[in-house]
Protein backbone atom coordinates (compact mmCIF):
# COMPACT_ATOMS: atom_id res chain seq x y z
CA MET A 1 96.74 58.68 -3.23
CA GLY A 2 94.71 58.15 -6.59
CA GLN A 3 91.62 56.17 -6.91
CA GLN A 4 92.24 52.37 -6.84
CA THR A 5 91.52 50.50 -9.82
CA ALA A 6 88.71 47.89 -9.97
CA PHE A 7 91.42 45.00 -10.26
CA ARG A 8 93.24 46.42 -7.21
CA ARG A 9 90.08 46.51 -5.08
CA ALA A 10 89.33 43.03 -5.86
CA GLU A 11 92.90 41.90 -4.92
CA LYS A 12 92.51 43.76 -1.64
CA GLN A 13 89.14 42.12 -0.94
CA TYR A 14 90.63 38.59 -1.16
CA LYS A 15 94.17 39.25 0.33
CA ALA A 16 92.79 40.73 3.55
CA ARG A 17 94.16 38.55 6.50
CA ASP A 18 92.05 40.02 9.37
CA ARG A 19 89.00 37.99 8.23
CA ARG A 20 88.00 35.02 6.40
CA PRO A 21 87.52 35.62 2.74
CA ASP A 22 83.88 35.94 1.53
CA LEU A 23 83.50 33.50 -1.31
CA SER A 24 79.88 33.92 -1.89
CA THR A 25 80.38 35.59 -5.19
CA VAL A 26 83.27 33.45 -6.41
CA ILE A 27 82.52 31.02 -9.37
CA ASP A 28 83.12 27.36 -8.19
CA LEU A 29 83.05 25.23 -11.39
CA ALA A 30 83.45 22.11 -9.33
CA ALA A 31 79.89 22.81 -8.12
CA ILE A 32 78.46 24.20 -11.26
CA GLU A 33 76.16 21.29 -12.02
CA THR A 34 74.30 22.05 -8.78
CA SER A 35 74.19 25.82 -9.04
CA ASN A 36 72.39 28.31 -11.15
CA GLU A 37 75.40 30.34 -12.05
CA PRO A 38 74.46 33.03 -15.05
CA ARG A 39 78.01 34.08 -15.49
CA VAL A 40 79.03 30.60 -16.96
CA ARG A 41 78.54 28.91 -20.29
CA ARG A 42 78.86 25.38 -20.94
CA LEU A 43 81.28 24.18 -23.75
CA CYS A 44 81.56 20.77 -25.44
CA LEU A 45 84.96 19.79 -26.39
CA THR A 46 85.07 18.40 -30.17
CA ARG A 47 88.43 16.54 -29.66
CA ASP A 48 89.66 14.10 -27.25
CA LEU A 49 92.24 14.58 -24.40
CA CYS A 50 94.88 12.14 -25.02
CA THR A 51 97.39 10.41 -22.70
CA PRO A 52 101.02 11.01 -23.45
CA SER A 53 102.59 8.07 -25.07
CA ALA A 54 105.24 7.68 -22.43
CA LEU A 55 102.82 7.28 -19.52
CA PRO A 56 101.49 3.69 -19.00
CA PHE A 57 98.61 4.92 -16.73
CA ARG A 58 95.36 6.63 -17.51
CA VAL A 59 95.84 10.36 -17.36
CA PHE A 60 92.28 11.68 -17.80
CA THR A 61 89.16 10.37 -16.22
CA GLU A 62 87.24 10.81 -19.50
CA SER A 63 88.20 11.96 -23.02
CA ARG A 64 85.91 14.84 -23.35
CA PRO A 65 85.29 16.32 -19.91
CA HIS A 66 83.04 19.26 -19.37
CA ALA A 67 84.42 22.72 -20.19
CA TYR A 68 83.26 26.22 -19.53
CA ALA A 69 83.59 29.68 -20.72
CA ILE A 70 82.88 32.79 -18.52
CA HIS A 71 80.54 35.45 -19.64
CA GLY A 72 82.53 38.84 -20.10
CA HIS A 73 85.85 37.02 -20.74
CA PRO A 74 86.07 35.67 -24.46
CA GLY A 75 88.55 33.12 -24.89
CA LEU A 76 88.96 31.84 -21.32
CA ILE A 77 88.25 28.23 -21.09
CA VAL A 78 88.35 26.17 -17.75
CA ILE A 79 88.02 22.39 -17.40
CA PRO A 80 87.38 21.33 -13.88
CA ASN A 81 89.90 18.56 -12.85
CA PRO A 82 89.83 16.00 -15.60
CA PHE A 83 92.91 14.16 -14.19
CA THR A 84 93.06 10.81 -12.50
CA ASP A 85 94.63 10.88 -9.02
CA GLU A 86 97.84 9.26 -10.21
CA SER A 87 98.31 11.76 -12.99
CA GLN A 88 97.95 14.59 -10.47
CA ARG A 89 100.66 13.10 -8.35
CA TRP A 90 102.85 12.55 -11.49
CA LEU A 91 102.43 16.22 -12.22
CA ALA A 92 103.45 17.18 -8.66
CA ARG A 93 106.52 15.07 -8.89
CA LYS A 94 107.40 16.44 -12.22
CA CYS A 95 107.12 20.09 -11.04
CA LEU A 96 108.95 19.46 -7.70
CA CYS A 97 111.80 17.20 -8.82
CA ASP A 98 112.45 17.02 -12.47
CA CYS A 99 111.72 20.44 -13.73
CA THR A 100 113.56 22.45 -10.95
CA GLN A 101 117.00 20.82 -12.05
CA PRO A 102 119.58 22.72 -14.09
CA PRO A 103 119.76 24.12 -16.71
CA ASN A 104 116.26 25.56 -15.71
CA ARG A 105 116.25 28.28 -13.42
CA THR A 106 114.64 29.16 -10.10
CA ASN A 107 114.37 32.19 -8.03
CA LEU A 108 117.02 30.84 -5.66
CA ASP A 109 119.81 30.51 -8.30
CA PRO A 110 121.02 34.11 -8.25
CA PHE A 111 121.56 33.99 -4.49
CA PHE A 112 122.76 30.43 -3.79
CA ASP A 113 125.21 28.02 -5.41
CA MET A 114 122.46 25.36 -6.04
CA PRO A 115 123.31 21.79 -6.40
CA ALA A 116 122.57 19.82 -9.59
CA ALA A 117 120.28 17.39 -7.74
CA SER A 118 116.56 18.19 -7.11
CA LEU A 119 116.10 20.48 -4.19
CA PHE A 120 113.04 18.59 -3.19
CA THR A 121 114.90 15.34 -3.06
CA LEU A 122 117.67 17.02 -0.98
CA ALA A 123 114.91 18.41 1.35
CA SER A 124 113.25 15.12 1.81
CA LYS A 125 116.51 13.56 3.58
CA PRO A 126 116.82 13.36 7.26
CA SER A 127 118.16 16.58 8.71
CA LYS A 128 121.27 15.08 9.71
CA ARG A 129 122.04 13.92 6.20
CA GLN A 130 121.20 17.28 4.60
CA CYS A 131 124.20 19.65 3.61
CA ALA A 132 123.86 23.53 3.58
CA VAL A 133 123.87 25.22 0.34
CA ASP A 134 126.50 28.07 -0.08
CA SER A 135 125.31 31.54 -0.46
CA ARG A 136 126.48 33.35 -3.58
CA VAL A 137 125.89 36.63 -1.84
CA GLN A 138 128.11 35.63 0.94
CA LEU A 139 130.74 34.31 -1.42
CA GLY A 140 130.46 37.48 -3.55
CA ILE A 141 129.80 35.80 -6.71
CA MET A 142 126.36 37.18 -7.59
CA GLY A 143 125.86 38.28 -11.20
CA PRO A 144 126.35 41.93 -11.93
CA ASP A 145 122.66 42.56 -12.73
CA ILE A 146 121.40 41.04 -9.51
CA THR A 147 120.17 43.35 -6.74
CA GLN A 148 121.64 42.83 -3.28
CA PRO A 149 118.96 41.28 -1.25
CA LYS A 150 117.71 43.04 1.89
CA ASP A 151 116.57 39.68 3.71
CA LYS A 152 119.72 38.23 5.59
CA PHE A 153 118.45 34.78 4.75
CA TYR A 154 120.10 35.05 1.31
CA SER A 155 123.48 36.14 2.75
CA GLN A 156 124.26 33.09 4.56
CA PRO A 157 124.33 29.29 3.78
CA ALA A 158 120.92 27.67 4.05
CA MET A 159 119.66 24.15 4.38
CA PRO A 160 117.59 22.45 1.46
CA ALA A 161 114.49 22.24 3.62
CA ASP A 162 114.69 25.97 4.33
CA LEU A 163 115.45 26.75 0.61
CA LEU A 164 112.48 24.59 -0.42
CA GLU A 165 110.03 27.03 1.53
CA ARG A 166 111.49 29.79 -0.53
CA LEU A 167 111.12 28.28 -3.76
CA ARG A 168 108.67 30.49 -5.72
CA TRP A 169 109.15 29.84 -9.43
CA CYS A 170 111.12 27.83 -12.05
CA THR A 171 111.51 28.63 -15.68
CA LEU A 172 111.25 25.97 -18.48
CA GLY A 173 112.38 25.88 -21.89
CA TRP A 174 113.18 29.45 -23.00
CA GLN A 175 114.51 30.90 -19.84
CA TYR A 176 112.55 34.24 -18.87
CA ASN A 177 114.47 37.05 -17.50
CA TRP A 178 112.53 38.77 -14.72
CA THR A 179 114.67 41.84 -14.82
CA THR A 180 114.49 42.65 -18.59
CA LYS A 181 111.08 40.89 -19.12
CA LYS A 182 112.49 39.11 -21.96
CA TYR A 183 113.48 35.53 -22.97
CA ASP A 184 117.13 36.36 -22.98
CA LEU A 185 118.87 33.83 -20.84
CA GLY A 186 119.25 30.99 -23.30
CA ALA A 187 116.96 27.95 -23.51
CA SER A 188 116.73 24.30 -22.11
CA ALA A 189 114.94 21.49 -23.64
CA PHE A 190 111.25 21.53 -22.58
CA ASP A 191 110.27 18.28 -20.84
CA SER A 192 108.84 16.14 -23.67
CA VAL A 193 106.23 14.28 -21.69
CA LEU A 194 104.96 17.78 -20.38
CA ASN A 195 105.00 19.08 -23.87
CA GLU A 196 102.93 16.30 -25.27
CA LEU A 197 100.38 16.68 -22.51
CA MET A 198 99.97 20.40 -22.94
CA ARG A 199 99.84 19.93 -26.72
CA SER A 200 97.05 17.44 -26.19
CA ILE A 201 95.16 19.99 -24.24
CA ALA A 202 95.65 22.57 -26.81
CA VAL A 203 94.15 20.25 -29.44
CA ALA A 204 91.19 19.32 -27.30
CA ILE A 205 90.12 23.06 -26.55
CA GLY A 206 90.22 24.11 -30.21
CA ASN A 207 86.92 25.01 -31.90
CA PRO A 208 84.70 23.90 -28.99
CA ALA A 209 81.03 23.84 -29.53
CA SER A 210 78.24 25.16 -27.43
CA ALA A 211 76.25 23.15 -25.05
CA GLY A 212 73.59 22.91 -27.86
CA GLY A 213 76.14 21.57 -30.21
CA ASP A 214 76.43 24.71 -32.22
CA ALA A 215 80.15 26.17 -33.13
CA CYS A 216 81.22 29.01 -31.05
CA SER A 217 84.09 31.38 -31.28
CA ASP A 218 85.94 30.86 -27.98
CA ASN A 219 89.10 29.39 -29.26
CA SER A 220 89.69 29.06 -33.09
CA TYR A 221 93.56 28.24 -32.78
CA ASP A 222 94.73 25.09 -34.33
CA GLY A 223 96.22 23.17 -31.34
CA SER A 224 98.09 20.75 -33.54
CA GLN A 225 100.27 23.81 -34.16
CA PHE A 226 101.15 24.20 -30.46
CA SER A 227 104.36 23.34 -28.78
CA CYS A 228 105.72 24.34 -25.43
CA GLN A 229 108.51 26.83 -25.96
CA ALA A 230 108.61 28.43 -22.61
CA GLY A 231 106.88 27.68 -19.27
CA ILE A 232 106.79 28.82 -15.70
CA ILE A 233 106.00 26.81 -12.65
CA ASN A 234 104.71 28.88 -9.68
CA TYR A 235 105.01 27.53 -5.96
CA TYR A 236 102.48 29.15 -3.64
CA ASP A 237 102.37 28.72 0.15
CA GLU A 238 99.27 29.73 2.04
CA ARG A 239 100.24 33.33 2.11
CA THR A 240 101.70 33.65 -1.32
CA THR A 241 100.03 35.89 -3.86
CA MET A 242 100.49 36.68 -7.60
CA ALA A 243 99.79 40.38 -8.45
CA GLY A 244 97.60 41.18 -11.51
CA HIS A 245 99.53 41.27 -14.64
CA VAL A 246 99.39 40.54 -18.23
CA ASP A 247 101.70 37.87 -20.06
CA LYS A 248 102.67 39.54 -23.36
CA THR A 249 106.40 38.88 -23.79
CA GLU A 250 105.77 36.21 -26.40
CA GLU A 251 105.95 37.22 -30.11
CA THR A 252 102.89 35.20 -31.00
CA MET A 253 99.68 35.74 -28.96
CA ASP A 254 97.51 33.59 -31.02
CA ALA A 255 98.40 30.36 -29.28
CA PRO A 256 96.83 29.75 -25.90
CA LEU A 257 98.51 30.03 -22.52
CA ILE A 258 97.67 26.68 -20.87
CA SER A 259 97.79 26.41 -16.95
CA LEU A 260 97.68 23.39 -14.67
CA SER A 261 96.89 23.51 -10.91
CA VAL A 262 98.04 20.89 -8.32
CA GLY A 263 97.52 21.11 -4.53
CA LEU A 264 95.71 23.77 -2.67
CA THR A 265 92.66 25.60 -3.93
CA CYS A 266 93.09 29.59 -4.90
CA VAL A 267 90.89 32.48 -5.85
CA TYR A 268 91.99 33.41 -9.37
CA LEU A 269 90.84 36.91 -10.88
CA ILE A 270 90.42 37.18 -14.39
CA GLY A 271 89.90 40.77 -15.76
CA GLY A 272 90.31 42.60 -19.01
CA PRO A 273 92.63 44.79 -21.20
CA THR A 274 93.07 47.32 -18.42
CA ARG A 275 93.17 47.16 -14.58
CA GLU A 276 89.90 49.27 -14.73
CA THR A 277 87.89 46.25 -15.91
CA GLU A 278 86.07 44.59 -13.06
CA PRO A 279 87.44 41.00 -12.69
CA THR A 280 85.63 37.90 -12.19
CA PRO A 281 86.65 35.79 -9.33
CA LEU A 282 87.10 31.88 -9.91
CA LEU A 283 88.11 29.01 -7.63
CA LEU A 284 90.87 26.97 -9.31
CA HIS A 285 91.12 23.63 -7.68
CA SER A 286 93.73 20.89 -7.80
CA GLY A 287 93.57 19.22 -11.25
CA ASP A 288 91.95 22.27 -13.01
CA ILE A 289 92.99 23.28 -16.38
CA LEU A 290 92.66 26.88 -17.48
CA ALA A 291 93.59 28.16 -21.01
CA MET A 292 93.88 31.72 -21.94
CA CYS A 293 92.77 31.91 -25.68
CA GLY A 294 92.00 34.83 -28.04
CA GLU A 295 91.18 38.02 -26.39
CA SER A 296 91.55 36.60 -22.86
CA ARG A 297 95.36 36.02 -23.73
CA LEU A 298 95.88 39.71 -23.03
CA ALA A 299 93.64 40.08 -20.01
CA PHE A 300 94.94 40.99 -16.49
CA HIS A 301 94.91 38.08 -14.20
CA GLY A 302 96.25 37.22 -10.77
CA VAL A 303 95.97 35.12 -7.54
CA PRO A 304 95.04 37.21 -4.56
CA ARG A 305 94.37 34.18 -2.18
CA VAL A 306 95.42 30.64 -1.65
CA LEU A 307 93.03 28.73 0.65
CA ALA A 308 94.31 26.63 3.36
CA ASN A 309 93.29 22.92 4.10
CA THR A 310 91.81 22.46 0.54
CA SER A 311 94.20 19.69 -1.16
CA PRO A 312 92.54 16.75 -2.03
CA ALA A 313 93.18 13.37 -0.17
CA CYS A 314 94.76 11.78 -3.22
CA LEU A 315 97.62 14.18 -2.60
CA THR A 316 97.68 14.53 1.14
CA LYS A 317 97.36 10.94 2.27
CA PRO A 318 100.92 9.85 3.29
CA ASP A 319 100.97 6.65 1.21
CA ALA A 320 98.87 7.79 -1.70
CA GLY A 321 101.42 7.46 -4.21
CA ASP A 322 103.62 4.74 -3.07
CA ASN A 323 102.52 2.34 -5.89
CA ASP A 324 102.61 4.90 -8.67
CA PHE A 325 104.43 4.54 -11.88
CA LEU A 326 108.20 5.10 -11.19
CA ALA A 327 107.44 5.91 -7.54
CA ASN A 328 110.80 4.40 -6.59
CA LYS A 329 112.51 7.09 -8.61
CA TYR A 330 111.49 9.90 -6.35
CA PRO A 331 111.37 10.48 -2.52
CA ALA A 332 108.72 8.66 -0.57
CA TRP A 333 105.20 10.03 -1.09
CA ARG A 334 104.77 11.17 2.50
CA HIS A 335 107.08 14.05 1.68
CA PHE A 336 105.24 15.24 -1.16
CA ALA A 337 101.91 14.79 0.90
CA VAL A 338 103.31 17.19 3.62
CA TYR A 339 104.32 19.72 0.96
CA LEU A 340 101.10 19.59 -1.11
CA ASN A 341 99.06 19.98 2.16
CA ALA A 342 100.25 23.40 2.45
CA HIS A 343 101.19 24.51 -1.10
CA ARG A 344 99.68 25.02 -4.57
CA ILE A 345 101.65 24.39 -7.64
CA ASN A 346 100.87 26.13 -11.02
CA CYS A 347 102.53 24.84 -14.15
CA ASN A 348 101.88 27.00 -17.31
CA ALA A 349 103.22 26.81 -20.81
CA ARG A 350 103.06 28.90 -23.84
CA LYS A 351 104.38 28.99 -27.36
CA CYS A 352 106.73 32.05 -28.24
CA LEU A 353 106.96 32.20 -31.98
């Protein structure tokens, strides 16, 4: 066996299940004001974060929150949770209910005859009122380019609640083909409110200043040119990981890749242009914004560990969202609270052309 790369060694360090992960060298930007962390540089946003016009509640706690760059990773910008509690819950509902419906695709679609209704909504019904979803494998109607799954779970009808635990990703806008690694499966309309939110972030992180007020080169992209053409929502349980990779399918790499986190905290690794670059570990908490701009757009990155029991009370309290905007459109918040107590959601968006 060849020598392991620096990125692979770091992944193994945090993946190990026979011991608690050592987080002593992991950067925690939520506590950065009380620590002396030499790997972090403070940035000042020069433009405001703005609430999407369709939302009647306050989305951000402040218009120009603290932002940070990480030494050795030019172009990576992190904003520790600037969201209000209600806007985090709004994003969770958006990712679990609205965005998982057709024509958007999920990892379950090749194997099950998925209903048009939201899987989360169906899974929230009492078990006696749930109907099994037919297996496309069992019916012999899988696509010709789909590999026969080894797991017998996919070869028989399954209840919505069980399928929800197998939900791992959903593609938005231009539909990404995980086999060809191209956007060649057609396109759906990108959610307009989510697009406006992401564009507001792209504008706000453009041309930030240093803590001293001087201009810096962390991100020179004009955010007013940003639009969400494709996106992926990843759903993690406490044992799910994301192997180190580079997102490079898009034709334009000038625009930032913007990522939002909701739910459990994770260890996020940001490396360099090859797996040989020693990665830096960060904690990403619920509500954190991470943007890969400039050089970091082509950096290896991954999630080797999701940390149990780390979701905030604004998500896990059973009645936390009962009075939110449009709450009656969705299942009772207690169902989201159960899910978010044991899962992490990451919603990311990018411009392709």
